[in-house]
């Protein structure tokens, strides 16, 4: 069985989308397992022990890149500009994205509109699937 067939692609996507500054994810190329390193869930000695393990086999583990906030924001901008047809909602979304903390107001506006919420889910899935595909290709896993 190839590594590619063992991969939990949705778990990789969740790892990429995790915005927690405390989390780091690695993909074990031998098993396909995703390892979550976090000082919130691991003791300092567990973290140090794992870091030593990674140093001994650096080619075994692939860091899973975090999707930058700027890229997530760009996804929201593209959705608002290219997918949303309702001009009032489009304007509301564009204004929400100009604020300091754009994510919550954007999602609140989307959540209030069931059709656009479905459209957003489909749009976002397409975007994150593309990022996943790039990650897998760059690491010879696709």
Protein backbone atom coordinates (compact mmCIF):
# COMPACT_ATOMS: atom_id res chain seq x y z
CA UNK A 1 0.00 0.00 0.00
CA UNK A 2 1.49 3.36 -1.01
CA UNK A 3 1.82 6.23 1.43
CA UNK A 4 -0.50 8.34 -0.71
CA UNK A 5 -3.34 5.87 -0.16
CA UNK A 6 -2.74 5.92 3.64
CA UNK A 7 -3.00 9.69 3.95
CA UNK A 8 -5.96 11.25 5.71
CA UNK A 9 -6.24 14.23 3.38
CA UNK A 10 -8.95 15.96 5.39
CA UNK A 11 -6.78 15.72 8.51
CA UNK A 12 -3.95 17.36 6.56
CA UNK A 13 -6.34 20.14 5.50
CA UNK A 14 -7.46 20.64 9.12
CA UNK A 15 -3.79 20.84 10.12
CA UNK A 16 -3.10 23.42 7.42
CA UNK A 17 -6.12 25.48 8.47
CA UNK A 18 -5.38 25.41 12.22
CA UNK A 19 -4.58 28.99 13.13
CA UNK A 20 -3.36 28.25 16.64
CA UNK A 21 0.10 29.77 17.08
CA UNK A 22 0.85 27.03 19.61
CA UNK A 23 0.34 24.14 17.17
CA UNK A 24 2.76 22.56 14.73
CA UNK A 25 1.99 19.55 12.56
CA UNK A 26 4.29 17.01 10.95
CA UNK A 27 3.48 14.28 8.48
CA UNK A 28 5.27 10.99 9.15
CA UNK A 29 6.31 9.72 5.71
CA UNK A 30 6.69 6.16 6.99
CA UNK A 31 3.20 5.78 8.43
CA UNK A 32 1.13 8.64 6.99
CA UNK A 33 0.33 9.69 10.56
CA UNK A 34 -0.08 13.38 11.36
CA UNK A 35 1.69 14.41 14.52
CA UNK A 36 0.39 17.40 16.44
CA UNK A 37 2.95 19.18 18.55
CA UNK A 38 1.56 21.65 21.05
CA UNK A 39 2.70 22.89 24.44
CA UNK A 40 -1.00 22.92 25.37
CA UNK A 41 -1.31 19.15 24.95
CA UNK A 42 2.28 18.00 25.54
CA UNK A 43 4.64 18.49 28.45
CA UNK A 44 7.96 20.24 27.87
CA UNK A 45 9.78 16.91 28.18
CA UNK A 46 7.45 15.27 25.63
CA UNK A 47 8.09 18.11 23.19
CA UNK A 48 11.85 17.89 23.69
CA UNK A 49 11.78 14.11 23.30
CA UNK A 50 9.86 14.36 20.06
CA UNK A 51 12.12 17.10 18.72
CA UNK A 52 15.10 14.81 19.35
CA UNK A 53 13.32 12.02 17.48
CA UNK A 54 12.77 14.35 14.50
CA UNK A 55 16.44 15.42 14.55
CA UNK A 56 17.49 11.75 14.32
CA UNK A 57 15.27 11.14 11.26
CA UNK A 58 14.80 14.54 9.61
CA UNK A 59 13.80 13.08 6.24
CA UNK A 60 11.00 11.06 7.83
CA UNK A 61 8.86 14.05 8.87
CA UNK A 62 7.41 16.72 6.60
CA UNK A 63 6.25 19.93 8.26
CA UNK A 64 2.65 20.65 7.27
CA UNK A 65 2.48 24.33 6.36
CA UNK A 66 -0.07 26.54 8.04
CA UNK A 67 -2.29 28.51 5.68
CA UNK A 68 -1.35 32.15 6.31
CA UNK A 69 -4.09 34.48 7.54
CA UNK A 70 -3.45 36.65 4.49
CA UNK A 71 -4.30 33.74 2.22
CA UNK A 72 -7.49 32.96 4.15
CA UNK A 73 -8.43 36.64 3.91
CA UNK A 74 -7.75 36.54 0.16
CA UNK A 75 -10.12 33.56 -0.13
CA UNK A 76 -12.83 35.58 1.58
CA UNK A 77 -12.20 38.58 -0.68
CA UNK A 78 -12.40 36.44 -3.80
CA UNK A 79 -15.60 34.82 -2.59
CA UNK A 80 -17.21 38.19 -1.85
CA UNK A 81 -16.15 39.65 -5.19
CA UNK A 82 -16.59 36.68 -7.52
CA UNK A 83 -19.25 34.39 -6.05
CA UNK A 84 -21.74 36.48 -4.08
CA UNK A 85 -24.38 37.89 -6.43
CA UNK A 86 -26.48 39.77 -3.85
CA UNK A 87 -25.02 43.29 -4.00
CA UNK A 88 -26.08 44.18 -0.43
CA UNK A 89 -24.44 41.09 1.00
CA UNK A 90 -21.40 41.59 -1.21
CA UNK A 91 -21.02 45.14 0.12
CA UNK A 92 -21.48 43.92 3.71
CA UNK A 93 -18.78 41.27 3.24
CA UNK A 94 -16.34 43.70 1.62
CA UNK A 95 -16.85 46.13 4.53
CA UNK A 96 -16.36 43.33 7.06
CA UNK A 97 -13.08 42.42 5.41
CA UNK A 98 -11.76 45.96 5.80
CA UNK A 99 -12.05 45.81 9.60
CA UNK A 100 -9.28 44.76 11.95
CA UNK A 101 -10.67 41.35 12.84
CA UNK A 102 -12.33 40.44 9.55
CA UNK A 103 -12.94 36.74 10.09
CA UNK A 104 -15.76 36.91 12.64
CA UNK A 105 -17.86 39.65 10.93
CA UNK A 106 -17.43 37.87 7.58
CA UNK A 107 -18.61 34.55 8.99
CA UNK A 108 -21.49 36.18 10.86
CA UNK A 109 -22.72 37.69 7.58
CA UNK A 110 -22.30 34.36 5.76
CA UNK A 111 -24.03 32.41 8.55
CA UNK A 112 -27.09 34.66 8.25
CA UNK A 113 -27.58 33.59 4.63
CA UNK A 114 -28.02 29.78 4.24
CA UNK A 115 -27.49 29.77 0.45
CA UNK A 116 -24.29 31.79 0.66
CA UNK A 117 -23.13 29.66 3.57
CA UNK A 118 -23.36 26.61 1.29
CA UNK A 119 -21.63 28.51 -1.51
CA UNK A 120 -18.86 29.54 0.91
CA UNK A 121 -18.34 25.92 2.03
CA UNK A 122 -17.98 24.79 -1.59
CA UNK A 123 -15.70 27.69 -2.48
CA UNK A 124 -13.51 27.17 0.59
CA UNK A 125 -13.31 23.42 -0.05
CA UNK A 126 -12.06 24.13 -3.57
CA UNK A 127 -9.42 26.55 -2.26
CA UNK A 128 -8.14 24.30 0.53
CA UNK A 129 -8.16 21.29 -1.80
CA UNK A 130 -5.91 23.21 -4.16
CA UNK A 131 -3.50 24.05 -1.32
CA UNK A 132 -3.51 20.39 -0.28
CA UNK A 133 -2.74 19.30 -3.84
CA UNK A 134 0.20 21.71 -4.02
CA UNK A 135 1.56 20.46 -0.68
CA UNK A 136 1.27 16.82 -1.74
CA UNK A 137 2.89 17.43 -5.15
CA UNK A 138 5.75 19.48 -3.69
CA UNK A 139 6.52 16.58 -1.34
CA UNK A 140 6.20 13.80 -3.91
CA UNK A 141 3.06 12.41 -2.33
CA UNK A 142 0.73 12.80 -5.28
